[in-house]
C-alpha cells in the first residue's frame, strides 16, 4: 500500500507540471484535462471472515483537437494499475478488465505480473462534425438517451451499472450518430452501433418539449436480436422533478411464439433549501434477469434489457451538503425476488479546489443463484482533477 502511495505522488507531481504547461497555451486548438485517483477497497462478507484488499491507481486523460469551428477530434484514455488480492488470484480478473465490447479492441494489459497488472483503454475516440442544425459523430462515443437518474432502459446503446462507482464517464459505443435540431427544444437522432460479436444496434429517437416536459420516443433494433420501442420523459410535478422511461424488447426469432421484455421505471426527486436532495425511483420488469453471480452486478457488458434482477425494484436516495466542502449520502435498494436489499452510505470531502476524498460502503444481502449472499465493499478514494 505504501509503494502504491509513492507511485501516486510521483504521477501526481508529473501531471501537475504537465497540466500547468498546457494551461499556458491559451490560444491552442488543443484541450487537455483528466484526473488521477487512488482507491483502496476491502471486500468481505463479515468482519469475522476473510477480507480481500485491493488498490486501483486510475489515471484518465482527455484530449480534444478543434480542427476548425465545425470539426472536433477527441481521444480519451483510462489507465489503471491494479494491485492486491484480486490481481494475485490468477488471470481471470485481468482478462475481465482487458475485455473490450467494441468493434475495435482498444483495451490492452500492457504489463501483467503475478501480483499486479496495468491496463490502458481508449473509451472515447471520435470525430465530431456540426453545421447549423446538423451534427454527426463517428467513432467510439457515449450515446446517452436516458432521462431517469438511476435506471435507464432507454439507454439501449450503452447501459451501465449503478454500483460501479469508479466510472463516472460511463462506457462508450463504436457508433455513428446523426442529430438534427428542428428547434432549440427538439432533436431527431439516428444511431448505429456495432460490437465485437458483430451484433448490431440501430435506432431512431425524437425528443421534444411539451407541457413543460422533455418527452422522447424511440424505436429500433437491439443487439441483432430484438425489436425495440420506448419512451421517456422528464419535467416538474409541483415542487418535484418527475422522470421516467419505458422500453419494450421483443425477440425477432419466433416472433409470435416468444414473450417480450418490458422495463418501466419512474421516479421523483426534489432539492431542498438546506442543500439536501431526496429521490425515489421504482422499476418494473416482466422478465427480469436471472442473477446467478455477484459479479454480474458490476458487469461491463450490461445491456438495457438486463437492468432488472427482480420483477419490482425500489430505490430511495438522500444526499445532504452538510457544509460547502462536505457531502453525505445514503442509498437503499430493495429486490423482492432476491429476498434482499442494498444499502450504500457515502461521504465526500473537498480537501482542496481539485482534490476530493471519498469514503463509500456498499452492502448487499439476498439470494444470488439460490444462495444466501452477504457482501460488503468499502472504498477509500482520493481524486486529483486537472
Protein backbone atom coordinates (compact mmCIF):
# COMPACT_ATOMS: atom_id res chain seq x y z
CA UNK A 1 0.00 0.00 0.00
CA UNK A 2 2.92 2.35 0.87
CA UNK A 3 4.57 1.74 -2.51
CA UNK A 4 1.29 2.46 -4.30
CA UNK A 5 1.06 5.76 -2.41
CA UNK A 6 4.56 6.76 -3.54
CA UNK A 7 3.68 5.97 -7.16
CA UNK A 8 0.53 8.11 -6.78
CA UNK A 9 2.57 11.10 -5.54
CA UNK A 10 5.14 10.77 -8.35
CA UNK A 11 2.48 10.64 -11.06
CA UNK A 12 0.59 13.47 -9.36
CA UNK A 13 3.62 15.77 -9.45
CA UNK A 14 4.19 14.95 -13.14
CA UNK A 15 0.60 15.66 -14.12
CA UNK A 16 0.53 18.96 -12.18
CA UNK A 17 3.54 20.19 -14.19
CA UNK A 18 2.10 18.88 -17.47
CA UNK A 19 -1.31 20.44 -16.94
CA UNK A 20 0.37 23.76 -16.00
CA UNK A 21 2.25 23.71 -19.31
CA UNK A 22 -0.95 23.11 -21.26
CA UNK A 23 -2.70 25.97 -19.46
CA UNK A 24 -0.05 28.44 -20.70
CA UNK A 25 -1.15 27.92 -24.32
CA UNK A 26 -4.48 29.71 -24.14
CA UNK A 27 -4.76 30.08 -27.91
CA UNK A 28 -4.00 26.43 -28.57
CA UNK A 29 -6.58 24.41 -30.54
CA UNK A 30 -5.90 21.56 -28.11
CA UNK A 31 -7.86 20.86 -24.94
CA UNK A 32 -6.48 18.62 -22.20
CA UNK A 33 -7.85 17.55 -18.80
CA UNK A 34 -8.28 14.49 -16.65
CA UNK A 35 -7.78 13.16 -13.18
CA UNK A 36 -5.72 10.81 -11.05
CA UNK A 37 -7.38 8.55 -8.47
CA UNK A 38 -6.01 6.15 -5.91
CA UNK A 39 -8.71 3.90 -4.49
CA UNK A 40 -8.27 1.30 -1.77
CA UNK A 41 -11.00 -1.31 -1.41
CA UNK A 42 -11.90 -4.07 1.02
CA UNK A 43 -14.33 -6.91 0.18
CA UNK A 44 -15.75 -9.20 2.88
CA UNK A 45 -18.94 -10.98 3.84
CA UNK A 46 -18.48 -10.32 7.57
CA UNK A 47 -15.82 -8.83 9.81
CA UNK A 48 -15.13 -12.29 11.24
CA UNK A 49 -14.35 -13.74 7.80
CA UNK A 50 -11.56 -13.24 5.26
CA UNK A 51 -11.02 -9.81 3.69
CA UNK A 52 -9.75 -9.08 0.17
CA UNK A 53 -7.74 -5.86 -0.14
CA UNK A 54 -7.14 -4.17 -3.49
CA UNK A 55 -5.88 -0.90 -4.90
CA UNK A 56 -6.54 0.77 -8.23
CA UNK A 57 -4.39 3.67 -9.38
CA UNK A 58 -6.60 5.23 -12.04
CA UNK A 59 -5.47 7.96 -14.41
CA UNK A 60 -7.78 9.50 -17.02
CA UNK A 61 -6.55 11.65 -19.91
CA UNK A 62 -8.95 13.57 -22.16
CA UNK A 63 -7.70 15.18 -25.36
CA UNK A 64 -9.62 17.29 -27.87
CA UNK A 65 -8.39 18.99 -31.01
CA UNK A 66 -10.57 21.70 -32.54
CA UNK A 67 -9.65 21.45 -36.21
CA UNK A 68 -11.96 24.34 -37.04
CA UNK A 69 -15.29 25.72 -35.80
CA UNK A 70 -17.22 22.76 -37.19
CA UNK A 71 -14.84 19.82 -36.63
CA UNK A 72 -13.58 18.35 -33.35
CA UNK A 73 -11.41 15.28 -32.79
CA UNK A 74 -11.40 13.57 -29.38
CA UNK A 75 -9.47 10.78 -27.66
CA UNK A 76 -9.91 9.75 -24.02
CA UNK A 77 -7.89 7.13 -22.13
CA UNK A 78 -8.33 5.10 -18.93
CA UNK A 79 -5.02 3.94 -17.47
CA UNK A 80 -5.37 1.67 -14.42
CA UNK A 81 -2.81 -0.11 -12.28
CA UNK A 82 -4.38 -2.98 -10.32
CA UNK A 83 -2.66 -4.41 -7.25
CA UNK A 84 -3.82 -6.52 -4.34
CA UNK A 85 -5.52 -9.82 -3.63
CA UNK A 86 -7.74 -9.93 -6.73
CA UNK A 87 -4.77 -9.35 -9.03
CA UNK A 88 -2.97 -12.28 -7.38
CA UNK A 89 -5.82 -14.76 -7.93
CA UNK A 90 -4.92 -15.75 -11.49
CA UNK A 91 -5.63 -14.21 -14.88
CA UNK A 92 -9.45 -14.37 -14.80
CA UNK A 93 -9.63 -10.90 -13.24
CA UNK A 94 -7.12 -9.31 -15.63
CA UNK A 95 -8.89 -10.88 -18.62
CA UNK A 96 -12.22 -9.42 -17.45
CA UNK A 97 -10.65 -5.95 -17.18
CA UNK A 98 -8.99 -6.35 -20.59
CA UNK A 99 -12.24 -7.31 -22.37
CA UNK A 100 -13.42 -4.74 -24.92
CA UNK A 101 -17.03 -4.82 -26.14
CA UNK A 102 -16.40 -2.66 -29.21
CA UNK A 103 -15.75 -3.48 -32.85
CA UNK A 104 -12.12 -2.47 -32.34
CA UNK A 105 -10.22 -3.95 -29.40
CA UNK A 106 -8.89 -0.79 -27.74
CA UNK A 107 -8.02 -2.31 -24.36
CA UNK A 108 -4.59 -3.69 -23.53
CA UNK A 109 -2.97 -5.20 -20.46
CA UNK A 110 0.42 -3.58 -21.03
CA UNK A 111 2.09 -5.21 -18.05
CA UNK A 112 0.82 -8.36 -16.36
CA UNK A 113 2.64 -9.95 -13.42
CA UNK A 114 1.68 -12.31 -10.60
CA UNK A 115 0.79 -9.51 -8.18
CA UNK A 116 -0.25 -6.59 -10.42
CA UNK A 117 -1.22 -5.58 -13.94
CA UNK A 118 -1.50 -2.35 -15.88
CA UNK A 119 -4.36 -1.77 -18.31
CA UNK A 120 -4.95 1.07 -20.73
CA UNK A 121 -8.24 1.54 -22.57
CA UNK A 122 -9.37 4.05 -25.16
CA UNK A 123 -13.05 4.54 -24.35
CA UNK A 124 -13.61 7.67 -26.46
CA UNK A 125 -12.19 8.11 -29.97
CA UNK A 126 -14.33 10.08 -32.38
CA UNK A 127 -14.65 12.85 -34.93
CA UNK A 128 -17.48 15.34 -34.45
CA UNK A 129 -18.88 17.45 -37.29
CA UNK A 130 -21.50 20.16 -36.78
CA UNK A 131 -23.05 22.67 -39.14
CA UNK A 132 -26.07 24.79 -38.31
CA UNK A 133 -28.82 22.36 -37.22
CA UNK A 134 -26.89 19.17 -38.04
CA UNK A 135 -24.37 17.23 -36.02
CA UNK A 136 -22.59 13.96 -36.84
CA UNK A 137 -20.27 11.99 -34.57
CA UNK A 138 -18.33 8.96 -35.79
CA UNK A 139 -16.28 6.62 -33.61
CA UNK A 140 -16.21 5.45 -30.00
CA UNK A 141 -18.59 7.68 -28.06
CA UNK A 142 -21.26 7.70 -25.39
CA UNK A 143 -24.86 7.87 -26.65
CA UNK A 144 -26.92 8.93 -23.65
CA UNK A 145 -30.66 8.60 -24.25
CA UNK A 146 -31.59 8.17 -20.59
CA UNK A 147 -33.95 10.53 -18.74
CA UNK A 148 -34.16 8.91 -15.28
CA UNK A 149 -31.41 9.19 -12.65
CA UNK A 150 -30.75 5.54 -11.72
CA UNK A 151 -32.04 3.00 -14.25
CA UNK A 152 -32.16 3.89 -17.95
CA UNK A 153 -33.95 1.33 -20.16
CA UNK A 154 -33.89 3.92 -22.97
CA UNK A 155 -30.06 3.68 -22.97
CA UNK A 156 -30.03 0.84 -25.49
CA UNK A 157 -26.56 1.74 -26.81
CA UNK A 158 -24.52 1.73 -23.61
CA UNK A 159 -26.22 0.86 -20.35
CA UNK A 160 -24.21 0.89 -17.13
CA UNK A 161 -24.26 -0.49 -13.61
CA UNK A 162 -25.43 1.80 -10.82
CA UNK A 163 -22.99 0.03 -8.48
CA UNK A 164 -19.83 0.88 -10.45
CA UNK A 165 -18.56 3.95 -8.60
CA UNK A 166 -15.22 4.28 -10.42
CA UNK A 167 -16.50 5.06 -13.92
CA UNK A 168 -18.37 8.36 -13.89
CA UNK A 169 -17.92 8.79 -17.67
CA UNK A 170 -19.78 5.51 -18.34
CA UNK A 171 -18.97 3.14 -21.23
CA UNK A 172 -18.99 4.16 -24.87
CA UNK A 173 -20.01 2.52 -28.15
CA UNK A 174 -18.40 2.15 -31.57
CA UNK A 175 -21.12 4.01 -33.42
CA UNK A 176 -22.28 6.58 -35.93
CA UNK A 177 -24.67 9.18 -34.51
CA UNK A 178 -26.58 11.75 -36.57
CA UNK A 179 -28.55 14.57 -34.95
CA UNK A 180 -30.84 17.22 -36.42
CA UNK A 181 -32.29 20.05 -34.30
CA UNK A 182 -35.56 21.33 -35.80
CA UNK A 183 -35.84 23.81 -32.91
CA UNK A 184 -33.88 24.72 -29.76
CA UNK A 185 -36.06 22.30 -27.73
CA UNK A 186 -36.27 19.32 -30.10
CA UNK A 187 -33.95 16.83 -31.76
CA UNK A 188 -34.17 13.92 -34.18
CA UNK A 189 -31.45 11.29 -33.84
CA UNK A 190 -30.32 8.27 -35.81
CA UNK A 191 -27.60 5.98 -34.41
CA UNK A 192 -25.98 2.69 -35.41
CA UNK A 193 -23.64 0.69 -33.18
CA UNK A 194 -21.58 -2.48 -33.72
CA UNK A 195 -19.73 -4.65 -31.21
CA UNK A 196 -17.08 -7.38 -31.03
CA UNK A 197 -19.67 -10.13 -31.60
CA UNK A 198 -20.82 -8.43 -34.82
CA UNK A 199 -24.15 -7.62 -33.21
CA UNK A 200 -25.90 -4.52 -34.49
CA UNK A 201 -27.98 -1.93 -32.66
CA UNK A 202 -29.73 0.72 -34.76
CA UNK A 203 -32.40 3.13 -33.57
CA UNK A 204 -34.08 6.49 -34.08
CA UNK A 205 -35.18 8.94 -31.39
CA UNK A 206 -37.38 12.05 -31.41
CA UNK A 207 -37.24 14.35 -28.38
CA UNK A 208 -39.35 17.49 -27.94
CA UNK A 209 -40.72 19.75 -25.22
CA UNK A 210 -44.42 19.88 -24.46
CA UNK A 211 -46.38 20.97 -21.35
CA UNK A 212 -43.08 21.78 -19.63
CA UNK A 213 -41.77 18.23 -20.15
CA UNK A 214 -38.95 16.85 -22.27
CA UNK A 215 -40.63 13.89 -24.00
CA UNK A 216 -38.97 11.32 -26.25
CA UNK A 217 -39.91 8.32 -28.35
CA UNK A 218 -37.52 5.76 -29.80
CA UNK A 219 -37.68 2.67 -31.95
CA UNK A 220 -35.11 0.36 -33.43
CA UNK A 221 -33.26 -2.94 -33.43
CA UNK A 222 -31.18 -4.04 -30.44
CA UNK A 223 -28.15 -6.38 -30.34
CA UNK A 224 -29.15 -8.20 -33.55
CA UNK A 225 -31.98 -9.88 -31.66
CA UNK A 226 -34.80 -7.61 -30.50
CA UNK A 227 -37.18 -5.12 -31.99
CA UNK A 228 -37.21 -2.21 -29.56
CA UNK A 229 -39.59 0.65 -28.82
CA UNK A 230 -39.58 3.05 -25.93
CA UNK A 231 -40.46 6.42 -24.45
CA UNK A 232 -39.14 8.71 -21.76
CA UNK A 233 -39.98 11.96 -20.02
CA UNK A 234 -38.64 14.49 -17.50
CA UNK A 235 -40.28 17.57 -16.08
CA UNK A 236 -41.83 19.08 -12.96
CA UNK A 237 -44.68 17.83 -10.80
CA UNK A 238 -45.30 20.62 -8.33
CA UNK A 239 -42.10 21.03 -6.27
CA UNK A 240 -40.77 17.68 -7.52
CA UNK A 241 -38.94 16.62 -10.66
CA UNK A 242 -40.73 13.71 -12.32
CA UNK A 243 -38.77 11.42 -14.64
CA UNK A 244 -39.26 8.06 -16.22
CA UNK A 245 -38.59 5.67 -19.10
CA UNK A 246 -40.12 2.57 -20.62
CA UNK A 247 -38.66 0.21 -23.23
CA UNK A 248 -40.06 -2.91 -24.88
CA UNK A 249 -37.74 -5.60 -26.27
CA UNK A 250 -39.22 -8.37 -28.44
CA UNK A 251 -37.08 -11.15 -30.00
CA UNK A 252 -37.30 -11.40 -33.76
CA UNK A 253 -36.80 -15.17 -33.79
CA UNK A 254 -40.11 -16.98 -33.45
CA UNK A 255 -41.71 -13.58 -33.04
CA UNK A 256 -45.25 -14.82 -32.43
CA UNK A 257 -44.16 -17.57 -30.00
CA UNK A 258 -41.91 -15.56 -27.70
CA UNK A 259 -42.62 -13.17 -24.86
CA UNK A 260 -41.06 -9.75 -24.96
CA UNK A 261 -39.43 -7.90 -22.09
CA UNK A 262 -40.88 -4.67 -20.73
CA UNK A 263 -38.87 -2.43 -18.41
CA UNK A 264 -40.63 0.57 -16.91
CA UNK A 265 -39.14 2.97 -14.40
CA UNK A 266 -40.37 6.22 -12.88
CA UNK A 267 -39.25 8.41 -10.02
CA UNK A 268 -39.47 11.75 -8.31
CA UNK A 269 -36.70 13.86 -6.81
CA UNK A 270 -36.52 17.17 -5.00
CA UNK A 271 -33.82 19.60 -3.90
CA UNK A 272 -34.48 21.26 -0.53
CA UNK A 273 -33.37 24.62 0.86
CA UNK A 274 -30.86 23.04 3.23
CA UNK A 275 -28.82 21.77 0.23
CA UNK A 276 -30.21 18.26 0.54
CA UNK A 277 -31.75 16.14 -2.21
CA UNK A 278 -34.12 13.17 -1.94
CA UNK A 279 -35.31 10.83 -4.65
CA UNK A 280 -37.40 7.72 -5.03
CA UNK A 281 -37.41 5.53 -8.13
CA UNK A 282 -39.35 2.36 -8.92
CA UNK A 283 -38.75 -0.19 -11.68
CA UNK A 284 -40.94 -2.96 -13.09
CA UNK A 285 -39.82 -5.75 -15.43
CA UNK A 286 -41.97 -8.67 -16.57
CA UNK A 287 -38.91 -10.78 -17.42
CA UNK A 288 -36.03 -9.90 -15.05
CA UNK A 289 -32.50 -11.23 -15.47
CA UNK A 290 -31.65 -14.41 -13.57
CA UNK A 291 -28.84 -13.13 -11.36
CA UNK A 292 -26.55 -16.12 -10.78
CA UNK A 293 -23.33 -14.31 -9.91
CA UNK A 294 -22.47 -11.41 -7.62
CA UNK A 295 -20.00 -10.01 -10.17
CA UNK A 296 -22.88 -9.64 -12.65
CA UNK A 297 -23.92 -6.55 -10.69
CA UNK A 298 -20.76 -4.81 -11.91
CA UNK A 299 -20.69 -6.28 -15.40
CA UNK A 300 -19.23 -4.06 -18.09
CA UNK A 301 -21.30 -5.93 -20.69
CA UNK A 302 -24.62 -4.97 -19.11
CA UNK A 303 -27.36 -4.13 -21.61
CA UNK A 304 -30.53 -2.09 -21.15
CA UNK A 305 -32.50 -5.34 -21.27
CA UNK A 306 -30.54 -6.66 -18.25
CA UNK A 307 -31.14 -3.80 -15.81
CA UNK A 308 -33.69 -5.63 -13.64
CA UNK A 309 -32.90 -8.55 -11.30
CA UNK A 310 -36.36 -8.56 -9.73
CA UNK A 311 -39.87 -8.05 -11.10
CA UNK A 312 -40.20 -4.99 -8.88
CA UNK A 313 -37.27 -2.91 -7.64
CA UNK A 314 -37.34 0.21 -5.47
CA UNK A 315 -34.68 2.75 -4.63
CA UNK A 316 -34.53 5.60 -2.16
CA UNK A 317 -31.64 8.04 -2.02
CA UNK A 318 -30.85 11.04 0.17
CA UNK A 319 -27.85 13.38 -0.03
CA UNK A 320 -27.01 16.36 2.15
CA UNK A 321 -24.34 19.02 1.80
CA UNK A 322 -23.50 19.41 5.50
CA UNK A 323 -21.01 22.15 4.61
CA UNK A 324 -19.81 23.58 1.28
CA UNK A 325 -16.94 21.07 1.48
CA UNK A 326 -18.67 18.01 2.96
CA UNK A 327 -21.39 15.89 1.31
CA UNK A 328 -23.03 12.84 2.85
CA UNK A 329 -25.48 10.39 1.31
CA UNK A 330 -27.31 7.10 1.65
CA UNK A 331 -28.88 4.85 -0.99
CA UNK A 332 -31.19 1.93 -0.28
CA UNK A 333 -32.44 -0.55 -2.90
CA UNK A 334 -34.97 -3.37 -2.46
CA UNK A 335 -35.05 -6.56 -4.59
CA UNK A 336 -38.15 -8.60 -3.56
CA UNK A 337 -37.41 -11.55 -5.89
CA UNK A 338 -33.90 -11.87 -4.41
CA UNK A 339 -35.30 -11.54 -0.90
CA UNK A 340 -32.67 -8.92 -0.43
CA UNK A 341 -31.57 -5.33 -0.37
CA UNK A 342 -28.66 -3.00 -0.99
CA UNK A 343 -27.54 -0.10 1.21
CA UNK A 344 -24.82 2.38 0.39
CA UNK A 345 -23.77 5.22 2.69
CA UNK A 346 -21.13 7.63 1.40
CA UNK A 347 -19.09 10.65 2.44
CA UNK A 348 -17.34 13.11 0.11
CA UNK A 349 -14.99 15.84 1.28
CA UNK A 350 -13.34 18.50 -0.86
CA UNK A 351 -9.87 18.85 0.63
CA UNK A 352 -8.83 21.50 -1.92
CA UNK A 353 -10.12 23.07 -5.12
CA UNK A 354 -9.20 19.99 -7.19
CA UNK A 355 -8.60 17.28 -4.56
CA UNK A 356 -11.51 15.18 -3.27
CA UNK A 357 -11.71 12.48 -0.63
CA UNK A 358 -14.48 9.83 -0.61
CA UNK A 359 -15.48 7.01 1.72
CA UNK A 360 -18.11 4.63 0.30
CA UNK A 361 -19.66 1.47 1.72
CA UNK A 362 -21.82 -0.92 -0.33
CA UNK A 363 -23.69 -3.71 1.44
CA UNK A 364 -25.64 -6.48 -0.37
CA UNK A 365 -27.86 -9.02 1.30
CA UNK A 366 -30.02 -11.50 -0.62
CA UNK A 367 -30.26 -14.70 -2.65
CA UNK A 368 -27.97 -14.84 -5.69
CA UNK A 369 -28.05 -18.04 -7.70
CA UNK A 370 -30.22 -19.59 -4.98
CA UNK A 371 -27.52 -18.99 -2.36
CA UNK A 372 -27.87 -16.63 0.60
CA UNK A 373 -25.27 -13.96 -0.07
CA UNK A 374 -23.92 -11.18 2.11
CA UNK A 375 -21.24 -8.91 0.74
CA UNK A 376 -19.61 -5.68 1.84
CA UNK A 377 -17.44 -3.45 -0.31
CA UNK A 378 -15.69 -0.50 1.31
CA UNK A 379 -13.85 2.09 -0.80
CA UNK A 380 -11.43 4.82 0.24
CA UNK A 381 -10.73 7.16 -2.67
CA UNK A 382 -8.57 10.23 -3.22
CA UNK A 383 -9.01 12.09 -6.51
CA UNK A 384 -6.96 14.87 -8.08
CA UNK A 385 -8.54 16.63 -11.09
CA UNK A 386 -6.60 18.72 -13.57
